[in-house]
Amino acid sequence: MTDETATKTIDELVLEIPEDQIISPTIPVDITIGEAGELHQNAMEDIVALLAKGLSENKIQELTPRAKFLQNKQSAWTAVYQSALTSTQQWEEKIDEGRLLQRELKYDFQFAYRNHPNILKKLSNIVDGSGNMDLIQDLSDYPAFAQQYPEPLTAILFDATKTERAKQLSLDLVDLMNQVDGVKNSRNRPEKLMRDRAYTYLKQLVDEIRAYGKYAFWNNEEKQKRYSSEYMRNSRKTKKENIEEQ
């Protein structure tokens, strides 16, 4: 680590990684962090052999802060993503409720105004249409229409709480729609991008130390395993077994 690098914060160093070098996790982040911890332990046990090949102890000691940094950024991204998923679930639930209410209101209003052709013609502007935006607009229009022409609805003993619920659902859906749009663009969220940078920053060091380890112990198969990903070895083994079974 140079003197200039030593004076920079880990955030600054991570932000200096070129865009074309940033990668998303290729293995689960918790596995990545766990393997970085094991690599640190193994490298410290083999430090004499690694130093003899040119690896500095400072590089080995950097593993821990980089892993902790990734853990923090993963937690920040997870919180944002989980919140986004909750918004999506709420949107779907309210859309389902809104569609059911929209159908009920359609039949209620068509029946109430069946003997009023002029009003019924105006109602067609609400009844026609489809899609989520139309649903949101309908749930807002029905209450306004009921206020404008209340007598026919009163005559059929219409439940006014339906239009009250429709108005509230319309407002809720507009708010949730904005949140759901945020979910769709969540891959561009700063928390996600910073997590990817943190992952890249740790992986760069892990790859470098593993390369030194494989070089230092090129003729020791057991030692070689210590400087490769157990997760990836198991994944390749499982994939091979599945192919053989086919």
C-alpha atoms as a PDB file:
ATOM      1  CA  MET A   1       0.000   0.000   0.000  1.00  0.00           C
ATOM      2  CA  THR A   2       1.489   3.373  -1.015  1.00  0.00           C
ATOM      3  CA  ASP A   3       1.582   6.389   1.313  1.00  0.00           C
ATOM      4  CA  GLU A   4      -1.004   8.113  -0.897  1.00  0.00           C
ATOM      5  CA  THR A   5      -3.323   5.089  -0.750  1.00  0.00           C
ATOM      6  CA  ALA A   6      -2.891   4.849   3.019  1.00  0.00           C
ATOM      7  CA  THR A   7      -4.209   8.397   3.473  1.00  0.00           C
ATOM      8  CA  LYS A   8      -7.445   7.673   1.579  1.00  0.00           C
ATOM      9  CA  THR A   9     -10.594   6.251   3.135  1.00  0.00           C
ATOM     10  CA  ILE A  10     -11.909   2.934   1.930  1.00  0.00           C
ATOM     11  CA  ASP A  11     -14.907   4.776   0.442  1.00  0.00           C
ATOM     12  CA  GLU A  12     -12.576   6.923  -1.647  1.00  0.00           C
ATOM     13  CA  LEU A  13     -10.586   3.924  -2.824  1.00  0.00           C
ATOM     14  CA  VAL A  14     -13.723   2.027  -3.772  1.00  0.00           C
ATOM     15  CA  LEU A  15     -15.070   4.979  -5.747  1.00  0.00           C
ATOM     16  CA  GLU A  16     -11.827   5.097  -7.732  1.00  0.00           C
ATOM     17  CA  ILE A  17     -12.455   1.675  -9.271  1.00  0.00           C
ATOM     18  CA  PRO A  18     -13.062   2.206 -13.033  1.00  0.00           C
ATOM     19  CA  GLU A  19     -16.644   1.599 -14.142  1.00  0.00           C
ATOM     20  CA  ASP A  20     -15.607  -1.118 -16.596  1.00  0.00           C
ATOM     21  CA  GLN A  21     -14.006  -3.133 -13.775  1.00  0.00           C
ATOM     22  CA  ILE A  22     -17.022  -3.207 -11.460  1.00  0.00           C
ATOM     23  CA  ILE A  23     -18.809  -6.560 -11.258  1.00  0.00           C
ATOM     24  CA  SER A  24     -21.888  -7.827  -9.487  1.00  0.00           C
ATOM     25  CA  PRO A  25     -21.465 -10.751  -7.068  1.00  0.00           C
ATOM     26  CA  THR A  26     -20.863 -14.052  -8.828  1.00  0.00           C
ATOM     27  CA  ILE A  27     -21.351 -15.966  -5.579  1.00  0.00           C
ATOM     28  CA  PRO A  28     -23.513 -15.065  -2.540  1.00  0.00           C
ATOM     29  CA  VAL A  29     -22.084 -12.107  -0.634  1.00  0.00           C
ATOM     30  CA  ASP A  30     -22.184 -13.890   2.725  1.00  0.00           C
ATOM     31  CA  ILE A  31     -20.148 -16.736   1.184  1.00  0.00           C
ATOM     32  CA  THR A  32     -17.690 -14.218  -0.262  1.00  0.00           C
ATOM     33  CA  ILE A  33     -17.186 -12.610   3.145  1.00  0.00           C
ATOM     34  CA  GLY A  34     -16.805 -15.982   4.864  1.00  0.00           C
ATOM     35  CA  GLU A  35     -14.245 -17.199   2.331  1.00  0.00           C
ATOM     36  CA  ALA A  36     -12.302 -13.941   2.690  1.00  0.00           C
ATOM     37  CA  GLY A  37     -12.058 -14.645   6.426  1.00  0.00           C
ATOM     38  CA  GLU A  38     -10.797 -18.169   5.801  1.00  0.00           C
ATOM     39  CA  LEU A  39      -8.313 -16.849   3.245  1.00  0.00           C
ATOM     40  CA  HIS A  40      -6.966 -14.395   5.799  1.00  0.00           C
ATOM     41  CA  GLN A  41      -6.457 -17.184   8.308  1.00  0.00           C
ATOM     42  CA  ASN A  42      -4.774 -19.473   5.771  1.00  0.00           C
ATOM     43  CA  ALA A  43      -2.535 -16.701   4.435  1.00  0.00           C
ATOM     44  CA  MET A  44      -1.353 -15.795   7.931  1.00  0.00           C
ATOM     45  CA  GLU A  45      -0.492 -19.448   8.569  1.00  0.00           C
ATOM     46  CA  ASP A  46       1.456 -19.542   5.300  1.00  0.00           C
ATOM     47  CA  ILE A  47       2.817 -16.013   5.558  1.00  0.00           C
ATOM     48  CA  VAL A  48       6.506 -16.995   5.356  1.00  0.00           C
ATOM     49  CA  ALA A  49       6.008 -18.802   2.041  1.00  0.00           C
ATOM     50  CA  LEU A  50       3.829 -16.012   0.654  1.00  0.00           C
ATOM     51  CA  LEU A  51       6.235 -13.242   1.660  1.00  0.00           C
ATOM     52  CA  ALA A  52       9.011 -15.200  -0.034  1.00  0.00           C
ATOM     53  CA  LYS A  53       7.091 -14.869  -3.309  1.00  0.00           C
ATOM     54  CA  GLY A  54       6.610 -11.117  -2.984  1.00  0.00           C
ATOM     55  CA  LEU A  55       3.210 -10.763  -1.290  1.00  0.00           C
ATOM     56  CA  SER A  56       3.174  -8.126   1.458  1.00  0.00           C
ATOM     57  CA  GLU A  57       1.646  -8.704   4.876  1.00  0.00           C
ATOM     58  CA  ASN A  58      -0.264  -5.430   4.478  1.00  0.00           C
ATOM     59  CA  LYS A  59      -2.192  -6.977   1.588  1.00  0.00           C
ATOM     60  CA  ILE A  60      -3.219  -9.910   3.773  1.00  0.00           C
ATOM     61  CA  GLN A  61      -4.300  -7.607   6.602  1.00  0.00           C
ATOM     62  CA  GLU A  62      -6.440  -5.585   4.162  1.00  0.00           C
ATOM     63  CA  LEU A  63      -8.786  -8.540   3.747  1.00  0.00           C
ATOM     64  CA  THR A  64     -10.598  -7.892   7.019  1.00  0.00           C
ATOM     65  CA  PRO A  65     -11.505  -4.206   6.521  1.00  0.00           C
ATOM     66  CA  ARG A  66     -12.518  -4.862   2.917  1.00  0.00           C
ATOM     67  CA  ALA A  67     -14.766  -7.743   3.997  1.00  0.00           C
ATOM     68  CA  LYS A  68     -16.364  -5.610   6.730  1.00  0.00           C
ATOM     69  CA  PHE A  69     -16.894  -2.788   4.247  1.00  0.00           C
ATOM     70  CA  LEU A  70     -18.684  -5.166   1.885  1.00  0.00           C
ATOM     71  CA  GLN A  71     -20.801  -6.490   4.758  1.00  0.00           C
ATOM     72  CA  ASN A  72     -21.941  -2.957   5.609  1.00  0.00           C
ATOM     73  CA  LYS A  73     -22.758  -2.083   2.001  1.00  0.00           C
ATOM     74  CA  GLN A  74     -24.614  -5.363   1.531  1.00  0.00           C
ATOM     75  CA  SER A  75     -26.741  -4.586   4.605  1.00  0.00           C
ATOM     76  CA  ALA A  76     -27.552  -1.133   3.227  1.00  0.00           C
ATOM     77  CA  TRP A  77     -28.574  -2.569  -0.146  1.00  0.00           C
ATOM     78  CA  THR A  78     -30.601  -5.388   1.432  1.00  0.00           C
ATOM     79  CA  ALA A  79     -32.599  -2.875   3.500  1.00  0.00           C
ATOM     80  CA  VAL A  80     -33.439  -0.852   0.379  1.00  0.00           C
ATOM     81  CA  TYR A  81     -34.294  -3.937  -1.672  1.00  0.00           C
ATOM     82  CA  GLN A  82     -36.518  -5.466   0.998  1.00  0.00           C
ATOM     83  CA  SER A  83     -38.372  -2.177   1.378  1.00  0.00           C
ATOM     84  CA  ALA A  84     -38.858  -2.076  -2.391  1.00  0.00           C
ATOM     85  CA  LEU A  85     -40.213  -5.617  -2.424  1.00  0.00           C
ATOM     86  CA  THR A  86     -42.690  -4.703   0.304  1.00  0.00           C
ATOM     87  CA  SER A  87     -43.942  -1.817  -1.817  1.00  0.00           C
ATOM     88  CA  THR A  88     -44.363  -4.171  -4.775  1.00  0.00           C
ATOM     89  CA  GLN A  89     -46.364  -6.642  -2.700  1.00  0.00           C
ATOM     90  CA  GLN A  90     -48.583  -3.871  -1.376  1.00  0.00           C
ATOM     91  CA  TRP A  91     -49.115  -2.612  -4.934  1.00  0.00           C
ATOM     92  CA  GLU A  92     -50.224  -6.056  -6.119  1.00  0.00           C
ATOM     93  CA  GLU A  93     -52.581  -6.479  -3.166  1.00  0.00           C
ATOM     94  CA  LYS A  94     -54.206  -3.079  -3.692  1.00  0.00           C
ATOM     95  CA  ILE A  95     -54.435  -3.599  -7.450  1.00  0.00           C
ATOM     96  CA  ASP A  96     -56.345  -6.832  -6.832  1.00  0.00           C
ATOM     97  CA  GLU A  97     -58.653  -5.099  -4.353  1.00  0.00           C
ATOM     98  CA  GLY A  98     -59.113  -2.187  -6.747  1.00  0.00           C
ATOM     99  CA  ARG A  99     -60.050  -4.408  -9.678  1.00  0.00           C
ATOM    100  CA  LEU A 100     -62.688  -6.187  -7.612  1.00  0.00           C
ATOM    101  CA  LEU A 101     -64.123  -2.868  -6.434  1.00  0.00           C
ATOM    102  CA  GLN A 102     -63.995  -1.475  -9.963  1.00  0.00           C
ATOM    103  CA  ARG A 103     -66.169  -4.367 -11.198  1.00  0.00           C
ATOM    104  CA  GLU A 104     -68.662  -3.908  -8.348  1.00  0.00           C
ATOM    105  CA  LEU A 105     -68.949  -0.183  -8.974  1.00  0.00           C
ATOM    106  CA  LYS A 106     -69.421  -0.734 -12.688  1.00  0.00           C
ATOM    107  CA  TYR A 107     -72.456  -2.968 -12.125  1.00  0.00           C
ATOM    108  CA  ASP A 108     -73.819  -0.797  -9.294  1.00  0.00           C
ATOM    109  CA  PHE A 109     -73.655   2.363 -11.397  1.00  0.00           C
ATOM    110  CA  GLN A 110     -74.950   0.791 -14.605  1.00  0.00           C
ATOM    111  CA  PHE A 111     -77.952  -0.554 -12.727  1.00  0.00           C
ATOM    112  CA  ALA A 112     -78.592   2.679 -10.827  1.00  0.00           C
ATOM    113  CA  TYR A 113     -78.577   4.798 -14.010  1.00  0.00           C
ATOM    114  CA  ARG A 114     -80.261   2.244 -16.311  1.00  0.00           C
ATOM    115  CA  ASN A 115     -83.315   4.484 -16.731  1.00  0.00           C
ATOM    116  CA  HIS A 116     -81.278   7.647 -17.250  1.00  0.00           C
ATOM    117  CA  PRO A 117     -79.795   7.399 -20.768  1.00  0.00           C
ATOM    118  CA  ASN A 118     -78.127  10.803 -20.682  1.00  0.00           C
ATOM    119  CA  ILE A 119     -76.322  10.019 -17.430  1.00  0.00           C
ATOM    120  CA  LEU A 120     -75.585   6.479 -18.595  1.00  0.00           C
ATOM    121  CA  LYS A 121     -73.881   7.884 -21.693  1.00  0.00           C
ATOM    122  CA  LYS A 122     -71.599   9.987 -19.491  1.00  0.00           C
ATOM    123  CA  LEU A 123     -70.894   6.930 -17.343  1.00  0.00           C
ATOM    124  CA  SER A 124     -69.483   5.128 -20.394  1.00  0.00           C
ATOM    125  CA  ASN A 125     -66.445   7.413 -20.220  1.00  0.00           C
ATOM    126  CA  ILE A 126     -65.587   5.751 -16.917  1.00  0.00           C
ATOM    127  CA  VAL A 127     -66.643   2.210 -17.773  1.00  0.00           C
ATOM    128  CA  ASP A 128     -64.595   2.054 -20.977  1.00  0.00           C
ATOM    129  CA  GLY A 129     -60.871   1.395 -20.782  1.00  0.00           C
ATOM    130  CA  SER A 130     -58.447  -1.065 -19.241  1.00  0.00           C
ATOM    131  CA  GLY A 131     -55.068  -1.251 -17.535  1.00  0.00           C
ATOM    132  CA  ASN A 132     -53.681  -0.069 -14.240  1.00  0.00           C
ATOM    133  CA  MET A 133     -53.793   3.643 -15.066  1.00  0.00           C
ATOM    134  CA  ASP A 134     -57.423   3.320 -16.122  1.00  0.00           C
ATOM    135  CA  LEU A 135     -58.177   1.486 -12.883  1.00  0.00           C
ATOM    136  CA  ILE A 136     -56.626   4.248 -10.783  1.00  0.00           C
ATOM    137  CA  GLN A 137     -58.570   6.887 -12.710  1.00  0.00           C
ATOM    138  CA  ASP A 138     -61.848   4.932 -12.444  1.00  0.00           C
ATOM    139  CA  LEU A 139     -61.488   4.612  -8.677  1.00  0.00           C
ATOM    140  CA  SER A 140     -61.168   8.381  -8.529  1.00  0.00           C
ATOM    141  CA  ASP A 141     -63.970   9.092 -11.055  1.00  0.00           C
ATOM    142  CA  TYR A 142     -66.688   6.916  -9.518  1.00  0.00           C
ATOM    143  CA  PRO A 143     -66.845   8.907  -6.232  1.00  0.00           C
ATOM    144  CA  ALA A 144     -67.005  12.192  -8.162  1.00  0.00           C
ATOM    145  CA  PHE A 145     -69.737  10.796 -10.420  1.00  0.00           C
ATOM    146  CA  ALA A 146     -71.725   9.625  -7.388  1.00  0.00           C
ATOM    147  CA  GLN A 147     -71.622  13.125  -5.911  1.00  0.00           C
ATOM    148  CA  GLN A 148     -72.789  14.645  -9.174  1.00  0.00           C
ATOM    149  CA  TYR A 149     -75.730  12.253  -9.632  1.00  0.00           C
ATOM    150  CA  PRO A 150     -76.642  10.908  -6.160  1.00  0.00           C
ATOM    151  CA  GLU A 151     -80.413  10.255  -6.437  1.00  0.00           C
ATOM    152  CA  PRO A 152     -80.356   7.100  -8.623  1.00  0.00           C
ATOM    153  CA  LEU A 153     -77.746   5.564  -6.322  1.00  0.00           C
ATOM    154  CA  THR A 154     -79.809   6.396  -3.247  1.00  0.00           C
ATOM    155  CA  ALA A 155     -82.800   4.702  -4.861  1.00  0.00           C
ATOM    156  CA  ILE A 156     -80.963   1.354  -5.069  1.00  0.00           C
ATOM    157  CA  LEU A 157     -79.671   1.709  -1.496  1.00  0.00           C
ATOM    158  CA  PHE A 158     -76.092   1.959  -2.773  1.00  0.00           C
ATOM    159  CA  ASP A 159     -73.394   1.438  -0.127  1.00  0.00           C
ATOM    160  CA  ALA A 160     -71.578   4.786  -0.072  1.00  0.00           C
ATOM    161  CA  THR A 161     -68.582   3.293   1.719  1.00  0.00           C
ATOM    162  CA  LYS A 162     -67.628   1.726  -1.622  1.00  0.00           C
ATOM    163  CA  THR A 163     -66.912   5.095  -3.217  1.00  0.00           C
ATOM    164  CA  GLU A 164     -65.081   6.234  -0.094  1.00  0.00           C
ATOM    165  CA  ARG A 165     -62.879   3.147  -0.339  1.00  0.00           C
ATOM    166  CA  ALA A 166     -62.415   3.699  -4.078  1.00  0.00           C
ATOM    167  CA  LYS A 167     -61.168   7.247  -3.525  1.00  0.00           C
ATOM    168  CA  GLN A 168     -58.671   6.095  -0.886  1.00  0.00           C
ATOM    169  CA  LEU A 169     -57.483   3.198  -3.035  1.00  0.00           C
ATOM    170  CA  SER A 170     -56.861   5.560  -5.921  1.00  0.00           C
ATOM    171  CA  LEU A 171     -54.675   7.773  -3.726  1.00  0.00           C
ATOM    172  CA  ASP A 172     -52.826   4.771  -2.305  1.00  0.00           C
ATOM    173  CA  LEU A 173     -52.155   3.338  -5.752  1.00  0.00           C
ATOM    174  CA  VAL A 174     -50.735   6.603  -7.072  1.00  0.00           C
ATOM    175  CA  ASP A 175     -48.297   6.688  -4.162  1.00  0.00           C
ATOM    176  CA  LEU A 176     -47.358   3.018  -4.532  1.00  0.00           C
ATOM    177  CA  MET A 177     -46.960   3.382  -8.294  1.00  0.00           C
ATOM    178  CA  ASN A 178     -44.107   5.819  -7.721  1.00  0.00           C
ATOM    179  CA  GLN A 179     -42.483   3.412  -5.278  1.00  0.00           C
ATOM    180  CA  VAL A 180     -42.888   0.455  -7.637  1.00  0.00           C
ATOM    181  CA  ASP A 181     -41.268   2.444 -10.436  1.00  0.00           C
ATOM    182  CA  GLY A 182     -38.355   2.830  -8.044  1.00  0.00           C
ATOM    183  CA  VAL A 183     -38.213  -0.943  -7.630  1.00  0.00           C
ATOM    184  CA  LYS A 184     -38.031  -1.441 -11.381  1.00  0.00           C
ATOM    185  CA  ASN A 185     -35.026   0.863 -11.460  1.00  0.00           C
ATOM    186  CA  SER A 186     -33.509  -0.561  -8.270  1.00  0.00           C
ATOM    187  CA  ARG A 187     -30.538  -1.979 -10.163  1.00  0.00           C
ATOM    188  CA  ASN A 188     -29.400   1.599 -10.621  1.00  0.00           C
ATOM    189  CA  ARG A 189     -29.846   2.506  -6.969  1.00  0.00           C
ATOM    190  CA  PRO A 190     -26.701   4.024  -5.372  1.00  0.00           C
ATOM    191  CA  GLU A 191     -26.850   1.398  -2.604  1.00  0.00           C
ATOM    192  CA  LYS A 192     -26.690  -1.391  -5.201  1.00  0.00           C
ATOM    193  CA  LEU A 193     -23.877   0.265  -7.122  1.00  0.00           C
ATOM    194  CA  MET A 194     -21.862   0.832  -3.940  1.00  0.00           C
ATOM    195  CA  ARG A 195     -22.391  -2.799  -2.908  1.00  0.00           C
ATOM    196  CA  ASP A 196     -21.035  -3.915  -6.274  1.00  0.00           C
ATOM    197  CA  ARG A 197     -18.027  -1.637  -5.869  1.00  0.00           C
ATOM    198  CA  ALA A 198     -17.373  -3.059  -2.395  1.00  0.00           C
ATOM    199  CA  TYR A 199     -17.660  -6.598  -3.752  1.00  0.00           C
ATOM    200  CA  THR A 200     -15.240  -5.787  -6.578  1.00  0.00           C
ATOM    201  CA  TYR A 201     -12.793  -4.188  -4.148  1.00  0.00           C
ATOM    202  CA  LEU A 202     -12.720  -7.295  -1.957  1.00  0.00           C
ATOM    203  CA  LYS A 203     -12.624  -9.717  -4.886  1.00  0.00           C
ATOM    204  CA  GLN A 204      -9.641  -7.951  -6.436  1.00  0.00           C
ATOM    205  CA  LEU A 205      -7.624  -8.567  -3.283  1.00  0.00           C
ATOM    206  CA  VAL A 206      -8.920 -12.114  -2.784  1.00  0.00           C
ATOM    207  CA  ASP A 207      -7.955 -13.007  -6.357  1.00  0.00           C
ATOM    208  CA  GLU A 208      -4.493 -11.522  -5.908  1.00  0.00           C
ATOM    209  CA  ILE A 209      -3.769 -13.381  -2.663  1.00  0.00           C
ATOM    210  CA  ARG A 210      -5.127 -16.631  -4.090  1.00  0.00           C
ATOM    211  CA  ALA A 211      -2.860 -16.209  -7.114  1.00  0.00           C
ATOM    212  CA  TYR A 212       0.165 -15.852  -4.834  1.00  0.00           C
ATOM    213  CA  GLY A 213      -0.955 -18.866  -2.825  1.00  0.00           C
ATOM    214  CA  LYS A 214      -1.330 -21.079  -5.886  1.00  0.00           C
ATOM    215  CA  TYR A 215       2.083 -19.920  -7.093  1.00  0.00           C
ATOM    216  CA  ALA A 216       3.781 -20.484  -3.738  1.00  0.00           C
ATOM    217  CA  PHE A 217       2.289 -23.973  -3.411  1.00  0.00           C
ATOM    218  CA  TRP A 218       2.135 -24.994  -7.064  1.00  0.00           C
ATOM    219  CA  ASN A 219       3.310 -28.520  -6.178  1.00  0.00           C
ATOM    220  CA  ASN A 220       1.084 -29.030  -3.113  1.00  0.00           C
ATOM    221  CA  GLU A 221      -2.461 -30.067  -4.031  1.00  0.00           C
ATOM    222  CA  GLU A 222      -3.840 -29.680  -0.502  1.00  0.00           C
ATOM    223  CA  LYS A 223      -2.398 -26.196  -0.155  1.00  0.00           C
ATOM    224  CA  GLN A 224      -3.742 -25.287  -3.583  1.00  0.00           C
ATOM    225  CA  LYS A 225      -7.279 -25.911  -2.355  1.00  0.00           C
ATOM    226  CA  ARG A 226      -6.756 -23.373   0.423  1.00  0.00           C
ATOM    227  CA  TYR A 227      -6.309 -20.728  -2.265  1.00  0.00           C
ATOM    228  CA  SER A 228      -9.430 -21.411  -4.296  1.00  0.00           C
ATOM    229  CA  SER A 229     -13.141 -20.950  -3.637  1.00  0.00           C
ATOM    230  CA  GLU A 230     -14.734 -23.932  -1.914  1.00  0.00           C
ATOM    231  CA  TYR A 231     -18.125 -22.656  -3.023  1.00  0.00           C
ATOM    232  CA  MET A 232     -17.076 -22.686  -6.683  1.00  0.00           C
ATOM    233  CA  ARG A 233     -15.467 -26.124  -6.340  1.00  0.00           C
ATOM    234  CA  ASN A 234     -18.677 -27.535  -4.883  1.00  0.00           C
ATOM    235  CA  SER A 235     -20.769 -25.811  -7.561  1.00  0.00           C
ATOM    236  CA  ARG A 236     -18.661 -27.305 -10.349  1.00  0.00           C
ATOM    237  CA  LYS A 237     -18.820 -30.719  -8.680  1.00  0.00           C
ATOM    238  CA  THR A 238     -22.616 -30.564  -8.378  1.00  0.00           C
ATOM    239  CA  LYS A 239     -22.962 -29.424 -11.985  1.00  0.00           C
ATOM    240  CA  LYS A 240     -20.743 -32.280 -13.172  1.00  0.00           C
ATOM    241  CA  GLU A 241     -22.725 -34.829 -11.170  1.00  0.00           C
ATOM    242  CA  ASN A 242     -26.008 -33.531 -12.596  1.00  0.00           C
ATOM    243  CA  ILE A 243     -24.661 -33.822 -16.142  1.00  0.00           C
ATOM    244  CA  GLU A 244     -23.481 -37.382 -15.526  1.00  0.00           C
ATOM    245  CA  GLU A 245     -26.907 -38.350 -14.196  1.00  0.00           C
ATOM    246  CA  GLN A 246     -28.663 -37.123 -17.327  1.00  0.00           C
END
